[in-house]
Amino acid sequence: MQRDRFFVDADGGGKWILIRQGAARPLRSFRLKQEAVRYGRNMARKRGNSQLVVKGRNHDIQTEWTYDRDPRRHPG
């Protein structure tokens, strides 16, 4: 079963968006990044087998949370 991936990212207009990987449009936009992260974490947690990736204004990944089954980690 494939994992759902959600992203919190800046939209370039001063807002923060929550978007599902592969979607054409954001699920929702927020005024504050903190609101977007809180909403995204709750959504990912409820869906199970999902991941939330949080990006900064420069679009670099800052943090991520994986819920339910985390893929195996292999050394090297």
PDB file of N, CA and C in Angstrom:
ATOM      1  N   MET A   1       0.838  -1.180   0.000  1.00  0.00           N
ATOM      2  CA  MET A   1       0.000   0.000   0.000  1.00  0.00           C
ATOM      3  C   MET A   1       0.886   1.247   0.000  1.00  0.00           C
ATOM      4  N   GLN A   2       0.615   2.153  -0.903  1.00  0.00           N
ATOM      5  CA  GLN A   2       1.393   3.378  -1.017  1.00  0.00           C
ATOM      6  C   GLN A   2       1.010   4.374   0.078  1.00  0.00           C
ATOM      7  N   ARG A   3       1.991   5.100   0.526  1.00  0.00           N
ATOM      8  CA  ARG A   3       1.772   6.089   1.573  1.00  0.00           C
ATOM      9  C   ARG A   3       1.336   7.417   0.956  1.00  0.00           C
ATOM     10  N   ASP A   4       0.352   8.090   1.584  1.00  0.00           N
ATOM     11  CA  ASP A   4      -0.052   9.435   1.178  1.00  0.00           C
ATOM     12  C   ASP A   4       0.982  10.421   1.695  1.00  0.00           C
ATOM     13  N   ARG A   5       1.365  11.370   0.857  1.00  0.00           N
ATOM     14  CA  ARG A   5       2.320  12.404   1.275  1.00  0.00           C
ATOM     15  C   ARG A   5       1.652  13.765   1.149  1.00  0.00           C
ATOM     16  N   PHE A   6       1.754  14.535   2.217  1.00  0.00           N
ATOM     17  CA  PHE A   6       1.218  15.893   2.267  1.00  0.00           C
ATOM     18  C   PHE A   6       2.375  16.850   2.496  1.00  0.00           C
ATOM     19  N   PHE A   7       2.265  18.040   1.923  1.00  0.00           N
ATOM     20  CA  PHE A   7       3.318  19.042   2.038  1.00  0.00           C
ATOM     21  C   PHE A   7       2.745  20.357   2.539  1.00  0.00           C
ATOM     22  N   VAL A   8       3.447  20.992   3.466  1.00  0.00           N
ATOM     23  CA  VAL A   8       3.178  22.375   3.871  1.00  0.00           C
ATOM     24  C   VAL A   8       4.264  23.198   3.204  1.00  0.00           C
ATOM     25  N   ASP A   9       3.851  24.203   2.439  1.00  0.00           N
ATOM     26  CA  ASP A   9       4.811  24.999   1.688  1.00  0.00           C
ATOM     27  C   ASP A   9       4.285  26.427   1.548  1.00  0.00           C
ATOM     28  N   ALA A  10       5.198  27.363   1.303  1.00  0.00           N
ATOM     29  CA  ALA A  10       4.810  28.755   1.066  1.00  0.00           C
ATOM     30  C   ALA A  10       4.260  28.872  -0.351  1.00  0.00           C
ATOM     31  N   ASP A  11       3.233  29.693  -0.529  1.00  0.00           N
ATOM     32  CA  ASP A  11       2.618  29.813  -1.854  1.00  0.00           C
ATOM     33  C   ASP A  11       3.180  30.980  -2.667  1.00  0.00           C
ATOM     34  N   GLY A  12       4.111  31.726  -2.107  1.00  0.00           N
ATOM     35  CA  GLY A  12       4.698  32.856  -2.819  1.00  0.00           C
ATOM     36  C   GLY A  12       3.928  34.150  -2.643  1.00  0.00           C
ATOM     37  N   GLY A  13       2.732  34.065  -2.081  1.00  0.00           N
ATOM     38  CA  GLY A  13       1.917  35.253  -1.871  1.00  0.00           C
ATOM     39  C   GLY A  13       1.739  35.588  -0.402  1.00  0.00           C
ATOM     40  N   GLY A  14       2.578  35.017   0.456  1.00  0.00           N
ATOM     41  CA  GLY A  14       2.492  35.312   1.877  1.00  0.00           C
ATOM     42  C   GLY A  14       1.654  34.327   2.670  1.00  0.00           C
ATOM     43  N   LYS A  15       1.078  33.343   2.010  1.00  0.00           N
ATOM     44  CA  LYS A  15       0.277  32.336   2.712  1.00  0.00           C
ATOM     45  C   LYS A  15       0.999  30.998   2.691  1.00  0.00           C
ATOM     46  N   TRP A  16       0.470  30.076   3.480  1.00  0.00           N
ATOM     47  CA  TRP A  16       1.006  28.718   3.554  1.00  0.00           C
ATOM     48  C   TRP A  16      -0.064  27.763   3.053  1.00  0.00           C
ATOM     49  N   ILE A  17       0.340  26.781   2.256  1.00  0.00           N
ATOM     50  CA  ILE A  17      -0.619  25.842   1.696  1.00  0.00           C
ATOM     51  C   ILE A  17      -0.329  24.420   2.167  1.00  0.00           C
ATOM     52  N   LEU A  18      -1.382  23.632   2.213  1.00  0.00           N
ATOM     53  CA  LEU A  18      -1.282  22.196   2.458  1.00  0.00           C
ATOM     54  C   LEU A  18      -1.707  21.527   1.164  1.00  0.00           C
ATOM     55  N   ILE A  19      -0.814  20.736   0.596  1.00  0.00           N
ATOM     56  CA  ILE A  19      -1.107  20.084  -0.678  1.00  0.00           C
ATOM     57  C   ILE A  19      -0.765  18.606  -0.589  1.00  0.00           C
ATOM     58  N   ARG A  20      -1.572  17.792  -1.227  1.00  0.00           N
ATOM     59  CA  ARG A  20      -1.324  16.355  -1.292  1.00  0.00           C
ATOM     60  C   ARG A  20      -0.486  16.073  -2.530  1.00  0.00           C
ATOM     61  N   GLN A  21       0.497  15.190  -2.398  1.00  0.00           N
ATOM     62  CA  GLN A  21       1.360  14.858  -3.521  1.00  0.00           C
ATOM     63  C   GLN A  21       0.529  14.392  -4.714  1.00  0.00           C
ATOM     64  N   GLY A  22       0.817  14.962  -5.872  1.00  0.00           N
ATOM     65  CA  GLY A  22       0.117  14.602  -7.094  1.00  0.00           C
ATOM     66  C   GLY A  22      -1.146  15.401  -7.363  1.00  0.00           C
ATOM     67  N   ALA A  23      -1.585  16.199  -6.398  1.00  0.00           N
ATOM     68  CA  ALA A  23      -2.802  17.003  -6.575  1.00  0.00           C
ATOM     69  C   ALA A  23      -2.490  18.268  -7.381  1.00  0.00           C
ATOM     70  N   ALA A  24      -3.456  18.707  -8.136  1.00  0.00           N
ATOM     71  CA  ALA A  24      -3.292  19.912  -8.940  1.00  0.00           C
ATOM     72  C   ALA A  24      -3.490  21.182  -8.121  1.00  0.00           C
ATOM     73  N   ARG A  25      -4.322  21.093  -7.080  1.00  0.00           N
ATOM     74  CA  ARG A  25      -4.631  22.266  -6.260  1.00  0.00           C
ATOM     75  C   ARG A  25      -4.403  21.964  -4.789  1.00  0.00           C
ATOM     76  N   PRO A  26      -4.084  22.995  -3.998  1.00  0.00           N
ATOM     77  CA  PRO A  26      -3.918  22.805  -2.549  1.00  0.00           C
ATOM     78  C   PRO A  26      -5.224  22.359  -1.890  1.00  0.00           C
ATOM     79  N   LEU A  27      -5.097  21.617  -0.808  1.00  0.00           N
ATOM     80  CA  LEU A  27      -6.262  21.226  -0.023  1.00  0.00           C
ATOM     81  C   LEU A  27      -6.820  22.417   0.736  1.00  0.00           C
ATOM     82  N   ARG A  28      -5.907  23.262   1.214  1.00  0.00           N
ATOM     83  CA  ARG A  28      -6.319  24.407   2.025  1.00  0.00           C
ATOM     84  C   ARG A  28      -5.156  25.381   2.134  1.00  0.00           C
ATOM     85  N   SER A  29      -5.453  26.670   2.349  1.00  0.00           N
ATOM     86  CA  SER A  29      -4.405  27.659   2.581  1.00  0.00           C
ATOM     87  C   SER A  29      -4.594  28.271   3.966  1.00  0.00           C
ATOM     88  N   PHE A  30      -3.493  28.772   4.525  1.00  0.00           N
ATOM     89  CA  PHE A  30      -3.473  29.288   5.888  1.00  0.00           C
ATOM     90  C   PHE A  30      -2.681  30.586   5.929  1.00  0.00           C
ATOM     91  N   ARG A  31      -3.030  31.429   6.879  1.00  0.00           N
ATOM     92  CA  ARG A  31      -2.318  32.683   7.083  1.00  0.00           C
ATOM     93  C   ARG A  31      -0.983  32.442   7.773  1.00  0.00           C
ATOM     94  N   LEU A  32      -0.961  31.488   8.731  1.00  0.00           N
ATOM     95  CA  LEU A  32       0.245  31.193   9.502  1.00  0.00           C
ATOM     96  C   LEU A  32       0.751  29.785   9.224  1.00  0.00           C
ATOM     97  N   LYS A  33       2.057  29.647   9.185  1.00  0.00           N
ATOM     98  CA  LYS A  33       2.670  28.335   8.970  1.00  0.00           C
ATOM     99  C   LYS A  33       2.288  27.365  10.083  1.00  0.00           C
ATOM    100  N   GLN A  34       2.262  27.846  11.297  1.00  0.00           N
ATOM    101  CA  GLN A  34       1.919  27.009  12.453  1.00  0.00           C
ATOM    102  C   GLN A  34       0.526  26.384  12.298  1.00  0.00           C
ATOM    103  N   GLU A  35      -0.426  27.145  11.770  1.00  0.00           N
ATOM    104  CA  GLU A  35      -1.776  26.620  11.541  1.00  0.00           C
ATOM    105  C   GLU A  35      -1.757  25.514  10.489  1.00  0.00           C
ATOM    106  N   ALA A  36      -0.994  25.729   9.421  1.00  0.00           N
ATOM    107  CA  ALA A  36      -0.896  24.736   8.346  1.00  0.00           C
ATOM    108  C   ALA A  36      -0.273  23.443   8.848  1.00  0.00           C
ATOM    109  N   VAL A  37       0.773  23.555   9.670  1.00  0.00           N
ATOM    110  CA  VAL A  37       1.440  22.369  10.212  1.00  0.00           C
ATOM    111  C   VAL A  37       0.499  21.612  11.145  1.00  0.00           C
ATOM    112  N   ARG A  38      -0.191  22.313  12.014  1.00  0.00           N
ATOM    113  CA  ARG A  38      -1.115  21.666  12.951  1.00  0.00           C
ATOM    114  C   ARG A  38      -2.218  20.915  12.197  1.00  0.00           C
ATOM    115  N   TYR A  39      -2.818  21.574  11.210  1.00  0.00           N
ATOM    116  CA  TYR A  39      -3.875  20.953  10.425  1.00  0.00           C
ATOM    117  C   TYR A  39      -3.335  19.752   9.640  1.00  0.00           C
ATOM    118  N   GLY A  40      -2.169  19.917   9.037  1.00  0.00           N
ATOM    119  CA  GLY A  40      -1.569  18.839   8.254  1.00  0.00           C
ATOM    120  C   GLY A  40      -1.201  17.632   9.096  1.00  0.00           C
ATOM    121  N   ARG A  41      -0.670  17.862  10.292  1.00  0.00           N
ATOM    122  CA  ARG A  41      -0.322  16.741  11.179  1.00  0.00           C
ATOM    123  C   ARG A  41      -1.571  15.971  11.592  1.00  0.00           C
ATOM    124  N   ASN A  42      -2.625  16.690  11.941  1.00  0.00           N
ATOM    125  CA  ASN A  42      -3.873  16.020  12.317  1.00  0.00           C
ATOM    126  C   ASN A  42      -4.434  15.208  11.154  1.00  0.00           C
ATOM    127  N   MET A  43      -4.411  15.774   9.955  1.00  0.00           N
ATOM    128  CA  MET A  43      -4.930  15.071   8.790  1.00  0.00           C
ATOM    129  C   MET A  43      -4.105  13.808   8.499  1.00  0.00           C
ATOM    130  N   ALA A  44      -2.793  13.929   8.511  1.00  0.00           N
ATOM    131  CA  ALA A  44      -1.926  12.785   8.224  1.00  0.00           C
ATOM    132  C   ALA A  44      -2.077  11.700   9.287  1.00  0.00           C
ATOM    133  N   ARG A  45      -2.193  12.102  10.538  1.00  0.00           N
ATOM    134  CA  ARG A  45      -2.344  11.143  11.630  1.00  0.00           C
ATOM    135  C   ARG A  45      -3.652  10.367  11.490  1.00  0.00           C
ATOM    136  N   LYS A  46      -4.736  11.056  11.161  1.00  0.00           N
ATOM    137  CA  LYS A  46      -6.045  10.414  11.023  1.00  0.00           C
ATOM    138  C   LYS A  46      -6.088   9.462   9.823  1.00  0.00           C
ATOM    139  N   ARG A  47      -5.429   9.817   8.742  1.00  0.00           N
ATOM    140  CA  ARG A  47      -5.443   8.979   7.533  1.00  0.00           C
ATOM    141  C   ARG A  47      -4.622   7.714   7.725  1.00  0.00           C
ATOM    142  N   GLY A  48      -3.592   7.764   8.566  1.00  0.00           N
ATOM    143  CA  GLY A  48      -2.718   6.612   8.744  1.00  0.00           C
ATOM    144  C   GLY A  48      -1.886   6.375   7.492  1.00  0.00           C
ATOM    145  N   ASN A  49      -0.806   5.644   7.624  1.00  0.00           N
ATOM    146  CA  ASN A  49       0.127   5.356   6.537  1.00  0.00           C
ATOM    147  C   ASN A  49       0.336   6.585   5.651  1.00  0.00           C
ATOM    148  N   SER A  50       0.758   7.673   6.274  1.00  0.00           N
ATOM    149  CA  SER A  50       0.955   8.918   5.551  1.00  0.00           C
ATOM    150  C   SER A  50       2.154   9.672   6.109  1.00  0.00           C
ATOM    151  N   GLN A  51       2.521  10.721   5.406  1.00  0.00           N
ATOM    152  CA  GLN A  51       3.676  11.516   5.798  1.00  0.00           C
ATOM    153  C   GLN A  51       3.358  12.992   5.564  1.00  0.00           C
ATOM    154  N   LEU A  52       3.820  13.832   6.478  1.00  0.00           N
ATOM    155  CA  LEU A  52       3.714  15.277   6.321  1.00  0.00           C
ATOM    156  C   LEU A  52       5.123  15.832   6.213  1.00  0.00           C
ATOM    157  N   VAL A  53       5.379  16.569   5.150  1.00  0.00           N
ATOM    158  CA  VAL A  53       6.679  17.189   4.911  1.00  0.00           C
ATOM    159  C   VAL A  53       6.480  18.697   5.001  1.00  0.00           C
ATOM    160  N   VAL A  54       7.267  19.354   5.851  1.00  0.00           N
ATOM    161  CA  VAL A  54       7.159  20.801   6.060  1.00  0.00           C
ATOM    162  C   VAL A  54       8.355  21.484   5.416  1.00  0.00           C
ATOM    163  N   LYS A  55       8.061  22.465   4.564  1.00  0.00           N
ATOM    164  CA  LYS A  55       9.103  23.224   3.874  1.00  0.00           C
ATOM    165  C   LYS A  55       9.103  24.668   4.361  1.00  0.00           C
ATOM    166  N   GLY A  56      10.233  25.329   4.199  1.00  0.00           N
ATOM    167  CA  GLY A  56      10.354  26.732   4.562  1.00  0.00           C
ATOM    168  C   GLY A  56      10.043  27.629   3.379  1.00  0.00           C
ATOM    169  N   ARG A  57      10.182  28.930   3.566  1.00  0.00           N
ATOM    170  CA  ARG A  57       9.901  29.886   2.484  1.00  0.00           C
ATOM    171  C   ARG A  57      10.805  29.678   1.272  1.00  0.00           C
ATOM    172  N   ASN A  58      12.003  29.127   1.490  1.00  0.00           N
ATOM    173  CA  ASN A  58      12.919  28.863   0.384  1.00  0.00           C
ATOM    174  C   ASN A  58      12.680  27.481  -0.230  1.00  0.00           C
ATOM    175  N   HIS A  59      11.622  26.777   0.231  1.00  0.00           N
ATOM    176  CA  HIS A  59      11.173  25.479  -0.271  1.00  0.00           C
ATOM    177  C   HIS A  59      12.107  24.321   0.090  1.00  0.00           C
ATOM    178  N   ASP A  60      13.028  24.545   1.025  1.00  0.00           N
ATOM    179  CA  ASP A  60      13.858  23.457   1.546  1.00  0.00           C
ATOM    180  C   ASP A  60      13.080  22.714   2.621  1.00  0.00           C
ATOM    181  N   ILE A  61      13.256  21.400   2.680  1.00  0.00           N
ATOM    182  CA  ILE A  61      12.577  20.600   3.698  1.00  0.00           C
ATOM    183  C   ILE A  61      13.150  20.932   5.071  1.00  0.00           C
ATOM    184  N   GLN A  62      12.265  21.246   6.010  1.00  0.00           N
ATOM    185  CA  GLN A  62      12.676  21.568   7.369  1.00  0.00           C
ATOM    186  C   GLN A  62      12.457  20.394   8.313  1.00  0.00           C
ATOM    187  N   THR A  63      11.335  19.723   8.172  1.00  0.00           N
ATOM    188  CA  THR A  63      11.028  18.579   9.034  1.00  0.00           C
ATOM    189  C   THR A  63       9.975  17.716   8.362  1.00  0.00           C
ATOM    190  N   GLU A  64       9.811  16.511   8.887  1.00  0.00           N
ATOM    191  CA  GLU A  64       8.766  15.632   8.373  1.00  0.00           C
ATOM    192  C   GLU A  64       8.320  14.675   9.464  1.00  0.00           C
ATOM    193  N   TRP A  65       7.078  14.242   9.355  1.00  0.00           N
ATOM    194  CA  TRP A  65       6.496  13.268  10.278  1.00  0.00           C
ATOM    195  C   TRP A  65       5.910  12.136   9.455  1.00  0.00           C
ATOM    196  N   THR A  66       6.157  10.912   9.890  1.00  0.00           N
ATOM    197  CA  THR A  66       5.597   9.734   9.229  1.00  0.00           C
ATOM    198  C   THR A  66       4.685   9.034  10.221  1.00  0.00           C
ATOM    199  N   TYR A  67       3.496   8.683   9.767  1.00  0.00           N
ATOM    200  CA  TYR A  67       2.504   8.043  10.628  1.00  0.00           C
ATOM    201  C   TYR A  67       2.207   6.640  10.121  1.00  0.00           C
ATOM    202  N   ASP A  68       1.930   5.766  11.057  1.00  0.00           N
ATOM    203  CA  ASP A  68       1.605   4.369  10.813  1.00  0.00           C
ATOM    204  C   ASP A  68       2.878   3.625  10.453  1.00  0.00           C
ATOM    205  N   ARG A  69       2.974   3.052   9.276  1.00  0.00           N
ATOM    206  CA  ARG A  69       4.124   2.232   8.925  1.00  0.00           C
ATOM    207  C   ARG A  69       5.245   3.096   8.371  1.00  0.00           C
ATOM    208  N   ASP A  70       6.357   3.162   9.094  1.00  0.00           N
ATOM    209  CA  ASP A  70       7.542   3.859   8.637  1.00  0.00           C
ATOM    210  C   ASP A  70       8.364   2.862   7.829  1.00  0.00           C
ATOM    211  N   PRO A  71       8.864   3.261   6.653  1.00  0.00           N
ATOM    212  CA  PRO A  71       9.660   2.320   5.864  1.00  0.00           C
ATOM    213  C   PRO A  71      10.918   1.897   6.623  1.00  0.00           C
ATOM    214  N   ARG A  72      11.386   0.719   6.311  1.00  0.00           N
ATOM    215  CA  ARG A  72      12.611   0.224   6.961  1.00  0.00           C
ATOM    216  C   ARG A  72      13.764   1.147   6.660  1.00  0.00           C
ATOM    217  N   ARG A  73      14.630   1.259   7.626  1.00  0.00           N
ATOM    218  CA  ARG A  73      15.847   2.056   7.421  1.00  0.00           C
ATOM    219  C   ARG A  73      17.005   1.078   7.291  1.00  0.00           C
ATOM    220  N   HIS A  74      17.733   1.238   6.200  1.00  0.00           N
ATOM    221  CA  HIS A  74      18.880   0.368   5.948  1.00  0.00           C
ATOM    222  C   HIS A  74      20.143   1.172   6.118  1.00  0.00           C
ATOM    223  N   PRO A  75      21.147   0.607   6.801  1.00  0.00           N
ATOM    224  CA  PRO A  75      22.398   1.323   6.945  1.00  0.00           C
ATOM    225  C   PRO A  75      23.098   1.496   5.593  1.00  0.00           C
ATOM    226  N   GLY A  76      23.786   2.626   5.467  1.00  0.00           N
ATOM    227  CA  GLY A  76      24.586   2.867   4.271  1.00  0.00           C
ATOM    228  C   GLY A  76      23.831   3.468   3.239  1.00  0.00           C
TER     229      GLY A  76
END
